[in-house]
Amino acid sequence: MNAFIAVVLVCANGIPQQDCTDARASEVRKVRVANELGCTNGWQEIIARTDLRDEVGKTSYLKTECRRVKERE
């Protein structure tokens, strides 16, 4: 069975989008979700509850990814 990890990367505006990775992000948030649709929902609320909300759009931006992980049987 497959599951997904929703990943939200917070990167400085000076980092090109293609270079915004786990290693270069200033903040990485991950949560396991049931399906790909779950990757598109909920992350806005997570970020809105942090201090990051004041910087997004000014000095940083968000990049979201949906990663498939194989569950152990």
PDB file of N, CA and C in Angstrom:
ATOM      1  N   MET A   1       0.845  -1.186   0.000  1.00  0.00           N
ATOM      2  CA  MET A   1       0.000   0.000   0.000  1.00  0.00           C
ATOM      3  C   MET A   1       0.885   1.242   0.000  1.00  0.00           C
ATOM      4  N   ASN A   2       0.464   2.252  -0.715  1.00  0.00           N
ATOM      5  CA  ASN A   2       1.214   3.496  -0.794  1.00  0.00           C
ATOM      6  C   ASN A   2       0.564   4.567   0.062  1.00  0.00           C
ATOM      7  N   ALA A   3       1.402   5.447   0.561  1.00  0.00           N
ATOM      8  CA  ALA A   3       0.939   6.605   1.301  1.00  0.00           C
ATOM      9  C   ALA A   3       1.710   7.798   0.749  1.00  0.00           C
ATOM     10  N   PHE A   4       1.372   8.967   1.224  1.00  0.00           N
ATOM     11  CA  PHE A   4       2.011  10.172   0.737  1.00  0.00           C
ATOM     12  C   PHE A   4       2.473  11.025   1.910  1.00  0.00           C
ATOM     13  N   ILE A   5       3.511  11.794   1.645  1.00  0.00           N
ATOM     14  CA  ILE A   5       4.002  12.776   2.599  1.00  0.00           C
ATOM     15  C   ILE A   5       3.821  14.141   1.942  1.00  0.00           C
ATOM     16  N   ALA A   6       3.096  15.013   2.614  1.00  0.00           N
ATOM     17  CA  ALA A   6       2.962  16.394   2.165  1.00  0.00           C
ATOM     18  C   ALA A   6       4.135  17.165   2.751  1.00  0.00           C
ATOM     19  N   VAL A   7       4.863  17.866   1.903  1.00  0.00           N
ATOM     20  CA  VAL A   7       6.058  18.600   2.328  1.00  0.00           C
ATOM     21  C   VAL A   7       5.874  20.072   1.988  1.00  0.00           C
ATOM     22  N   VAL A   8       6.120  20.934   2.959  1.00  0.00           N
ATOM     23  CA  VAL A   8       6.102  22.380   2.739  1.00  0.00           C
ATOM     24  C   VAL A   8       7.501  22.894   3.035  1.00  0.00           C
ATOM     25  N   LEU A   9       8.116  23.493   2.027  1.00  0.00           N
ATOM     26  CA  LEU A   9       9.444  24.072   2.160  1.00  0.00           C
ATOM     27  C   LEU A   9       9.315  25.585   2.204  1.00  0.00           C
ATOM     28  N   VAL A  10       9.998  26.219   3.130  1.00  0.00           N
ATOM     29  CA  VAL A  10      10.033  27.677   3.207  1.00  0.00           C
ATOM     30  C   VAL A  10      11.421  28.102   2.739  1.00  0.00           C
ATOM     31  N   CYS A  11      11.474  28.830   1.632  1.00  0.00           N
ATOM     32  CA  CYS A  11      12.758  29.234   1.064  1.00  0.00           C
ATOM     33  C   CYS A  11      12.836  30.754   0.940  1.00  0.00           C
ATOM     34  N   ALA A  12      14.054  31.261   1.074  1.00  0.00           N
ATOM     35  CA  ALA A  12      14.290  32.697   0.913  1.00  0.00           C
ATOM     36  C   ALA A  12      14.013  33.089  -0.531  1.00  0.00           C
ATOM     37  N   ASN A  13      13.540  34.300  -0.725  1.00  0.00           N
ATOM     38  CA  ASN A  13      13.215  34.784  -2.063  1.00  0.00           C
ATOM     39  C   ASN A  13      14.391  34.679  -3.035  1.00  0.00           C
ATOM     40  N   GLY A  14      15.613  34.746  -2.535  1.00  0.00           N
ATOM     41  CA  GLY A  14      16.795  34.687  -3.390  1.00  0.00           C
ATOM     42  C   GLY A  14      17.122  33.300  -3.918  1.00  0.00           C
ATOM     43  N   ILE A  15      16.455  32.273  -3.429  1.00  0.00           N
ATOM     44  CA  ILE A  15      16.701  30.906  -3.884  1.00  0.00           C
ATOM     45  C   ILE A  15      15.746  30.597  -5.030  1.00  0.00           C
ATOM     46  N   PRO A  16      16.272  30.237  -6.198  1.00  0.00           N
ATOM     47  CA  PRO A  16      15.387  29.878  -7.314  1.00  0.00           C
ATOM     48  C   PRO A  16      14.514  28.674  -6.947  1.00  0.00           C
ATOM     49  N   GLN A  17      13.318  28.637  -7.491  1.00  0.00           N
ATOM     50  CA  GLN A  17      12.360  27.589  -7.133  1.00  0.00           C
ATOM     51  C   GLN A  17      12.934  26.190  -7.332  1.00  0.00           C
ATOM     52  N   GLN A  18      13.669  25.960  -8.412  1.00  0.00           N
ATOM     53  CA  GLN A  18      14.208  24.639  -8.666  1.00  0.00           C
ATOM     54  C   GLN A  18      15.282  24.252  -7.641  1.00  0.00           C
ATOM     55  N   ASP A  19      15.863  25.236  -6.951  1.00  0.00           N
ATOM     56  CA  ASP A  19      16.882  24.969  -5.943  1.00  0.00           C
ATOM     57  C   ASP A  19      16.317  24.915  -4.528  1.00  0.00           C
ATOM     58  N   CYS A  20      15.028  25.138  -4.382  1.00  0.00           N
ATOM     59  CA  CYS A  20      14.376  25.086  -3.074  1.00  0.00           C
ATOM     60  C   CYS A  20      14.166  23.614  -2.711  1.00  0.00           C
ATOM     61  N   THR A  21      15.083  23.076  -1.919  1.00  0.00           N
ATOM     62  CA  THR A  21      15.062  21.673  -1.520  1.00  0.00           C
ATOM     63  C   THR A  21      15.066  21.576  -0.002  1.00  0.00           C
ATOM     64  N   ASP A  22      14.930  20.366   0.504  1.00  0.00           N
ATOM     65  CA  ASP A  22      14.982  20.165   1.953  1.00  0.00           C
ATOM     66  C   ASP A  22      16.267  20.758   2.543  1.00  0.00           C
ATOM     67  N   ALA A  23      17.363  20.590   1.830  1.00  0.00           N
ATOM     68  CA  ALA A  23      18.659  21.039   2.329  1.00  0.00           C
ATOM     69  C   ALA A  23      18.799  22.563   2.332  1.00  0.00           C
ATOM     70  N   ARG A  24      18.150  23.247   1.413  1.00  0.00           N
ATOM     71  CA  ARG A  24      18.308  24.699   1.296  1.00  0.00           C
ATOM     72  C   ARG A  24      17.181  25.497   1.937  1.00  0.00           C
ATOM     73  N   ALA A  25      16.103  24.845   2.292  1.00  0.00           N
ATOM     74  CA  ALA A  25      14.965  25.538   2.898  1.00  0.00           C
ATOM     75  C   ALA A  25      15.302  25.973   4.320  1.00  0.00           C
ATOM     76  N   SER A  26      14.739  27.097   4.725  1.00  0.00           N
ATOM     77  CA  SER A  26      14.939  27.557   6.106  1.00  0.00           C
ATOM     78  C   SER A  26      14.037  26.801   7.070  1.00  0.00           C
ATOM     79  N   GLU A  27      12.984  26.217   6.528  1.00  0.00           N
ATOM     80  CA  GLU A  27      12.037  25.438   7.352  1.00  0.00           C
ATOM     81  C   GLU A  27      11.439  24.360   6.459  1.00  0.00           C
ATOM     82  N   VAL A  28      11.293  23.166   7.025  1.00  0.00           N
ATOM     83  CA  VAL A  28      10.679  22.053   6.309  1.00  0.00           C
ATOM     84  C   VAL A  28       9.623  21.446   7.223  1.00  0.00           C
ATOM     85  N   ARG A  29       8.410  21.375   6.727  1.00  0.00           N
ATOM     86  CA  ARG A  29       7.308  20.752   7.477  1.00  0.00           C
ATOM     87  C   ARG A  29       6.795  19.566   6.679  1.00  0.00           C
ATOM     88  N   LYS A  30       6.618  18.420   7.349  1.00  0.00           N
ATOM     89  CA  LYS A  30       6.149  17.213   6.673  1.00  0.00           C
ATOM     90  C   LYS A  30       5.019  16.597   7.476  1.00  0.00           C
ATOM     91  N   VAL A  31       4.049  16.045   6.752  1.00  0.00           N
ATOM     92  CA  VAL A  31       2.956  15.348   7.405  1.00  0.00           C
ATOM     93  C   VAL A  31       2.485  14.222   6.484  1.00  0.00           C
ATOM     94  N   ARG A  32       2.210  13.076   7.057  1.00  0.00           N
ATOM     95  CA  ARG A  32       1.703  11.940   6.287  1.00  0.00           C
ATOM     96  C   ARG A  32       0.232  12.176   5.979  1.00  0.00           C
ATOM     97  N   VAL A  33      -0.129  11.932   4.726  1.00  0.00           N
ATOM     98  CA  VAL A  33      -1.519  12.093   4.289  1.00  0.00           C
ATOM     99  C   VAL A  33      -1.960  10.823   3.566  1.00  0.00           C
ATOM    100  N   ALA A  34      -3.249  10.641   3.450  1.00  0.00           N
ATOM    101  CA  ALA A  34      -3.800   9.411   2.883  1.00  0.00           C
ATOM    102  C   ALA A  34      -3.694   9.327   1.368  1.00  0.00           C
ATOM    103  N   ASN A  35      -3.735  10.495   0.704  1.00  0.00           N
ATOM    104  CA  ASN A  35      -3.728  10.483  -0.755  1.00  0.00           C
ATOM    105  C   ASN A  35      -3.163  11.799  -1.277  1.00  0.00           C
ATOM    106  N   GLU A  36      -3.040  11.874  -2.600  1.00  0.00           N
ATOM    107  CA  GLU A  36      -2.457  13.075  -3.202  1.00  0.00           C
ATOM    108  C   GLU A  36      -3.279  14.330  -2.925  1.00  0.00           C
ATOM    109  N   LEU A  37      -4.565  14.196  -2.844  1.00  0.00           N
ATOM    110  CA  LEU A  37      -5.404  15.346  -2.535  1.00  0.00           C
ATOM    111  C   LEU A  37      -5.056  15.921  -1.160  1.00  0.00           C
ATOM    112  N   GLY A  38      -4.682  15.051  -0.238  1.00  0.00           N
ATOM    113  CA  GLY A  38      -4.293  15.501   1.097  1.00  0.00           C
ATOM    114  C   GLY A  38      -3.075  16.411   1.081  1.00  0.00           C
ATOM    115  N   CYS A  39      -2.261  16.302   0.042  1.00  0.00           N
ATOM    116  CA  CYS A  39      -1.082  17.169  -0.085  1.00  0.00           C
ATOM    117  C   CYS A  39      -1.460  18.615  -0.388  1.00  0.00           C
ATOM    118  N   THR A  40      -2.639  18.830  -0.892  1.00  0.00           N
ATOM    119  CA  THR A  40      -3.050  20.180  -1.279  1.00  0.00           C
ATOM    120  C   THR A  40      -3.810  20.910  -0.185  1.00  0.00           C
ATOM    121  N   ASN A  41      -4.172  20.228   0.868  1.00  0.00           N
ATOM    122  CA  ASN A  41      -5.005  20.817   1.918  1.00  0.00           C
ATOM    123  C   ASN A  41      -4.279  20.865   3.253  1.00  0.00           C
ATOM    124  N   GLY A  42      -4.564  21.871   4.031  1.00  0.00           N
ATOM    125  CA  GLY A  42      -4.118  21.914   5.408  1.00  0.00           C
ATOM    126  C   GLY A  42      -2.809  22.630   5.659  1.00  0.00           C
ATOM    127  N   TRP A  43      -1.915  22.701   4.669  1.00  0.00           N
ATOM    128  CA  TRP A  43      -0.625  23.309   4.948  1.00  0.00           C
ATOM    129  C   TRP A  43      -0.734  24.820   5.189  1.00  0.00           C
ATOM    130  N   GLN A  44      -1.718  25.446   4.586  1.00  0.00           N
ATOM    131  CA  GLN A  44      -1.896  26.886   4.805  1.00  0.00           C
ATOM    132  C   GLN A  44      -2.163  27.166   6.283  1.00  0.00           C
ATOM    133  N   GLU A  45      -2.981  26.325   6.881  1.00  0.00           N
ATOM    134  CA  GLU A  45      -3.303  26.498   8.300  1.00  0.00           C
ATOM    135  C   GLU A  45      -2.084  26.247   9.179  1.00  0.00           C
ATOM    136  N   ILE A  46      -1.283  25.256   8.825  1.00  0.00           N
ATOM    137  CA  ILE A  46      -0.074  24.954   9.598  1.00  0.00           C
ATOM    138  C   ILE A  46       0.863  26.162   9.596  1.00  0.00           C
ATOM    139  N   ILE A  47       1.099  26.737   8.422  1.00  0.00           N
ATOM    140  CA  ILE A  47       1.999  27.890   8.310  1.00  0.00           C
ATOM    141  C   ILE A  47       1.397  29.115   8.987  1.00  0.00           C
ATOM    142  N   ALA A  48       0.097  29.301   8.873  1.00  0.00           N
ATOM    143  CA  ALA A  48      -0.560  30.466   9.470  1.00  0.00           C
ATOM    144  C   ALA A  48      -0.437  30.482  10.994  1.00  0.00           C
ATOM    145  N   ARG A  49      -0.233  29.332  11.597  1.00  0.00           N
ATOM    146  CA  ARG A  49      -0.106  29.256  13.055  1.00  0.00           C
ATOM    147  C   ARG A  49       1.328  29.451  13.542  1.00  0.00           C
ATOM    148  N   THR A  50       2.257  29.713  12.649  1.00  0.00           N
ATOM    149  CA  THR A  50       3.653  29.876  13.033  1.00  0.00           C
ATOM    150  C   THR A  50       4.098  31.315  12.824  1.00  0.00           C
ATOM    151  N   ASP A  51       5.303  31.617  13.286  1.00  0.00           N
ATOM    152  CA  ASP A  51       5.883  32.941  13.065  1.00  0.00           C
ATOM    153  C   ASP A  51       6.244  33.167  11.604  1.00  0.00           C
ATOM    154  N   LEU A  52       6.287  32.103  10.826  1.00  0.00           N
ATOM    155  CA  LEU A  52       6.645  32.210   9.412  1.00  0.00           C
ATOM    156  C   LEU A  52       5.633  33.011   8.614  1.00  0.00           C
ATOM    157  N   ARG A  53       4.404  33.076   9.097  1.00  0.00           N
ATOM    158  CA  ARG A  53       3.330  33.728   8.334  1.00  0.00           C
ATOM    159  C   ARG A  53       3.662  35.169   7.994  1.00  0.00           C
ATOM    160  N   ASP A  54       4.433  35.847   8.825  1.00  0.00           N
ATOM    161  CA  ASP A  54       4.748  37.251   8.586  1.00  0.00           C
ATOM    162  C   ASP A  54       5.792  37.437   7.487  1.00  0.00           C
ATOM    163  N   GLU A  55       6.586  36.418   7.223  1.00  0.00           N
ATOM    164  CA  GLU A  55       7.664  36.531   6.243  1.00  0.00           C
ATOM    165  C   GLU A  55       7.284  36.024   4.854  1.00  0.00           C
ATOM    166  N   VAL A  56       6.317  35.103   4.794  1.00  0.00           N
ATOM    167  CA  VAL A  56       5.929  34.526   3.505  1.00  0.00           C
ATOM    168  C   VAL A  56       5.358  35.625   2.608  1.00  0.00           C
ATOM    169  N   GLY A  57       5.915  35.726   1.428  1.00  0.00           N
ATOM    170  CA  GLY A  57       5.502  36.753   0.483  1.00  0.00           C
ATOM    171  C   GLY A  57       6.339  38.014   0.568  1.00  0.00           C
ATOM    172  N   LYS A  58       7.077  38.178   1.649  1.00  0.00           N
ATOM    173  CA  LYS A  58       7.945  39.352   1.795  1.00  0.00           C
ATOM    174  C   LYS A  58       9.403  38.951   1.581  1.00  0.00           C
ATOM    175  N   THR A  59       9.907  38.060   2.422  1.00  0.00           N
ATOM    176  CA  THR A  59      11.310  37.650   2.325  1.00  0.00           C
ATOM    177  C   THR A  59      11.458  36.179   1.965  1.00  0.00           C
ATOM    178  N   SER A  60      10.353  35.464   1.938  1.00  0.00           N
ATOM    179  CA  SER A  60      10.410  34.030   1.634  1.00  0.00           C
ATOM    180  C   SER A  60       9.150  33.599   0.890  1.00  0.00           C
ATOM    181  N   TYR A  61       9.184  32.365   0.386  1.00  0.00           N
ATOM    182  CA  TYR A  61       8.034  31.795  -0.306  1.00  0.00           C
ATOM    183  C   TYR A  61       7.891  30.333   0.085  1.00  0.00           C
ATOM    184  N   LEU A  62       6.746  29.770  -0.218  1.00  0.00           N
ATOM    185  CA  LEU A  62       6.473  28.376   0.094  1.00  0.00           C
ATOM    186  C   LEU A  62       6.521  27.539  -1.174  1.00  0.00           C
ATOM    187  N   LYS A  63       7.053  26.358  -1.035  1.00  0.00           N
ATOM    188  CA  LYS A  63       7.029  25.373  -2.116  1.00  0.00           C
ATOM    189  C   LYS A  63       6.453  24.101  -1.521  1.00  0.00           C
ATOM    190  N   THR A  64       5.454  23.543  -2.167  1.00  0.00           N
ATOM    191  CA  THR A  64       4.838  22.321  -1.652  1.00  0.00           C
ATOM    192  C   THR A  64       5.152  21.156  -2.579  1.00  0.00           C
ATOM    193  N   GLU A  65       5.337  20.001  -1.977  1.00  0.00           N
ATOM    194  CA  GLU A  65       5.603  18.776  -2.726  1.00  0.00           C
ATOM    195  C   GLU A  65       4.766  17.657  -2.142  1.00  0.00           C
ATOM    196  N   CYS A  66       4.469  16.687  -2.968  1.00  0.00           N
ATOM    197  CA  CYS A  66       3.751  15.501  -2.525  1.00  0.00           C
ATOM    198  C   CYS A  66       4.646  14.312  -2.872  1.00  0.00           C
ATOM    199  N   ARG A  67       5.094  13.610  -1.851  1.00  0.00           N
ATOM    200  CA  ARG A  67       6.018  12.500  -2.067  1.00  0.00           C
ATOM    201  C   ARG A  67       5.350  11.182  -1.718  1.00  0.00           C
ATOM    202  N   ARG A  68       5.499  10.235  -2.610  1.00  0.00           N
ATOM    203  CA  ARG A  68       4.934   8.897  -2.389  1.00  0.00           C
ATOM    204  C   ARG A  68       5.943   8.092  -1.555  1.00  0.00           C
ATOM    205  N   VAL A  69       5.438   7.426  -0.536  1.00  0.00           N
ATOM    206  CA  VAL A  69       6.271   6.530   0.276  1.00  0.00           C
ATOM    207  C   VAL A  69       5.620   5.165   0.310  1.00  0.00           C
ATOM    208  N   LYS A  70       6.419   4.146   0.242  1.00  0.00           N
ATOM    209  CA  LYS A  70       5.886   2.794   0.295  1.00  0.00           C
ATOM    210  C   LYS A  70       5.769   2.377   1.750  1.00  0.00           C
ATOM    211  N   GLU A  71       4.591   1.952   2.128  1.00  0.00           N
ATOM    212  CA  GLU A  71       4.378   1.491   3.500  1.00  0.00           C
ATOM    213  C   GLU A  71       4.959   0.106   3.667  1.00  0.00           C
ATOM    214  N   ARG A  72       5.482  -0.156   4.841  1.00  0.00           N
ATOM    215  CA  ARG A  72       6.008  -1.486   5.139  1.00  0.00           C
ATOM    216  C   ARG A  72       4.862  -2.437   5.423  1.00  0.00           C
ATOM    217  N   GLU A  73       4.991  -3.612   4.927  1.00  0.00           N
ATOM    218  CA  GLU A  73       3.915  -4.602   5.113  1.00  0.00           C
ATOM    219  C   GLU A  73       4.277  -5.594   6.182  1.00  0.00           C
TER     220      GLU A  73
END
